[in-house]
Amino acid sequence: MHNDKYWKLSKHKSLELEFDWFEPDREWGMFGFSISLRRKGDHAGILVYLELFEKIFFSIEFYDSRHWDDDNDTFM
């Protein structure tokens, strides 16, 4: 089962929630957790994900929808 929701919060900012429920035969660890933050780069923002019992995956992401211009060190 896969569910995701997406909201455009402003011209360039978006919020996305994702939830997945997998069959128990998946070969994943019992628990996973990660937080990442990108200030520069394509779709910069914060991502938090949580994985439980080899079956449940949840993520929340708040990001900038613009792409990064490396030559000018700014968003396009």
Protein backbone atom coordinates (compact mmCIF):
# COMPACT_ATOMS: atom_id res chain seq x y z
CA MET A 1 0.00 0.00 0.00
CA HIS A 2 1.37 3.40 -0.97
CA ASN A 3 -0.08 6.76 0.02
CA ASP A 4 1.36 10.18 -0.49
CA LYS A 5 0.07 13.71 -0.16
CA TYR A 6 1.53 16.90 -1.55
CA TRP A 7 0.79 20.55 -0.77
CA LYS A 8 2.18 23.63 -2.47
CA LEU A 9 2.64 26.09 0.40
CA SER A 10 3.95 29.05 -1.58
CA LYS A 11 5.39 29.82 -5.00
CA HIS A 12 8.52 27.72 -4.36
CA LYS A 13 7.87 25.80 -1.13
CA SER A 14 6.14 22.41 -0.91
CA LEU A 15 5.32 19.81 1.73
CA GLU A 16 5.07 16.10 0.97
CA LEU A 17 4.00 13.20 3.20
CA GLU A 18 4.52 9.60 2.17
CA PHE A 19 3.43 6.34 3.78
CA ASP A 20 4.16 2.82 2.52
CA TRP A 21 3.17 -0.57 3.91
CA PHE A 22 5.20 -3.47 2.48
CA GLU A 23 4.75 -7.22 2.60
CA PRO A 24 6.66 -8.83 5.52
CA ASP A 25 9.14 -10.66 3.26
CA ARG A 26 11.08 -7.44 2.56
CA GLU A 27 14.72 -7.68 3.66
CA TRP A 28 15.02 -4.40 5.52
CA GLY A 29 16.27 -3.74 9.04
CA MET A 30 13.96 -3.59 12.02
CA PHE A 31 14.30 0.17 12.47
CA GLY A 32 15.58 3.09 10.42
CA PHE A 33 15.50 6.82 11.04
CA SER A 34 17.10 9.69 9.15
CA ILE A 35 17.00 13.48 9.01
CA SER A 36 18.71 15.35 6.20
CA LEU A 37 18.97 19.06 5.51
CA ARG A 38 20.11 20.65 2.23
CA ARG A 39 20.50 24.39 1.96
CA LYS A 40 21.84 24.37 -1.59
CA GLY A 41 21.05 22.13 -4.54
CA ASP A 42 18.01 20.96 -6.43
CA HIS A 43 14.93 20.73 -4.21
CA ALA A 44 16.78 21.93 -1.10
CA GLY A 45 15.00 21.42 2.19
CA ILE A 46 14.52 18.99 5.04
CA LEU A 47 13.64 15.30 4.82
CA VAL A 48 12.70 13.07 7.75
CA TYR A 49 12.01 9.37 7.31
CA LEU A 50 11.17 6.51 9.61
CA GLU A 51 11.13 2.76 8.88
CA LEU A 52 9.66 0.18 11.29
CA PHE A 53 9.54 -3.62 11.48
CA GLU A 54 10.55 -4.25 7.87
CA LYS A 55 7.05 -3.18 6.78
CA ILE A 56 6.27 0.47 7.48
CA PHE A 57 7.92 3.49 5.85
CA PHE A 58 6.95 7.11 6.61
CA SER A 59 8.54 10.31 5.32
CA ILE A 60 7.89 14.01 5.53
CA GLU A 61 9.68 16.50 3.29
CA PHE A 62 9.60 20.29 3.21
CA TYR A 63 11.49 21.56 0.18
CA ASP A 64 12.13 24.30 -2.34
CA SER A 65 10.88 23.26 -5.78
CA ARG A 66 13.51 25.27 -7.68
CA HIS A 67 16.71 23.87 -9.16
CA TRP A 68 20.18 25.06 -8.23
CA ASP A 69 22.47 27.06 -10.55
CA ASP A 70 26.03 25.99 -9.61
CA ASP A 71 27.63 28.64 -11.82
CA ASN A 72 25.90 31.50 -10.00
CA ASP A 73 25.56 29.76 -6.59
CA THR A 74 21.82 30.51 -6.41
CA PHE A 75 18.42 29.08 -7.29
CA MET A 76 17.21 29.36 -10.88
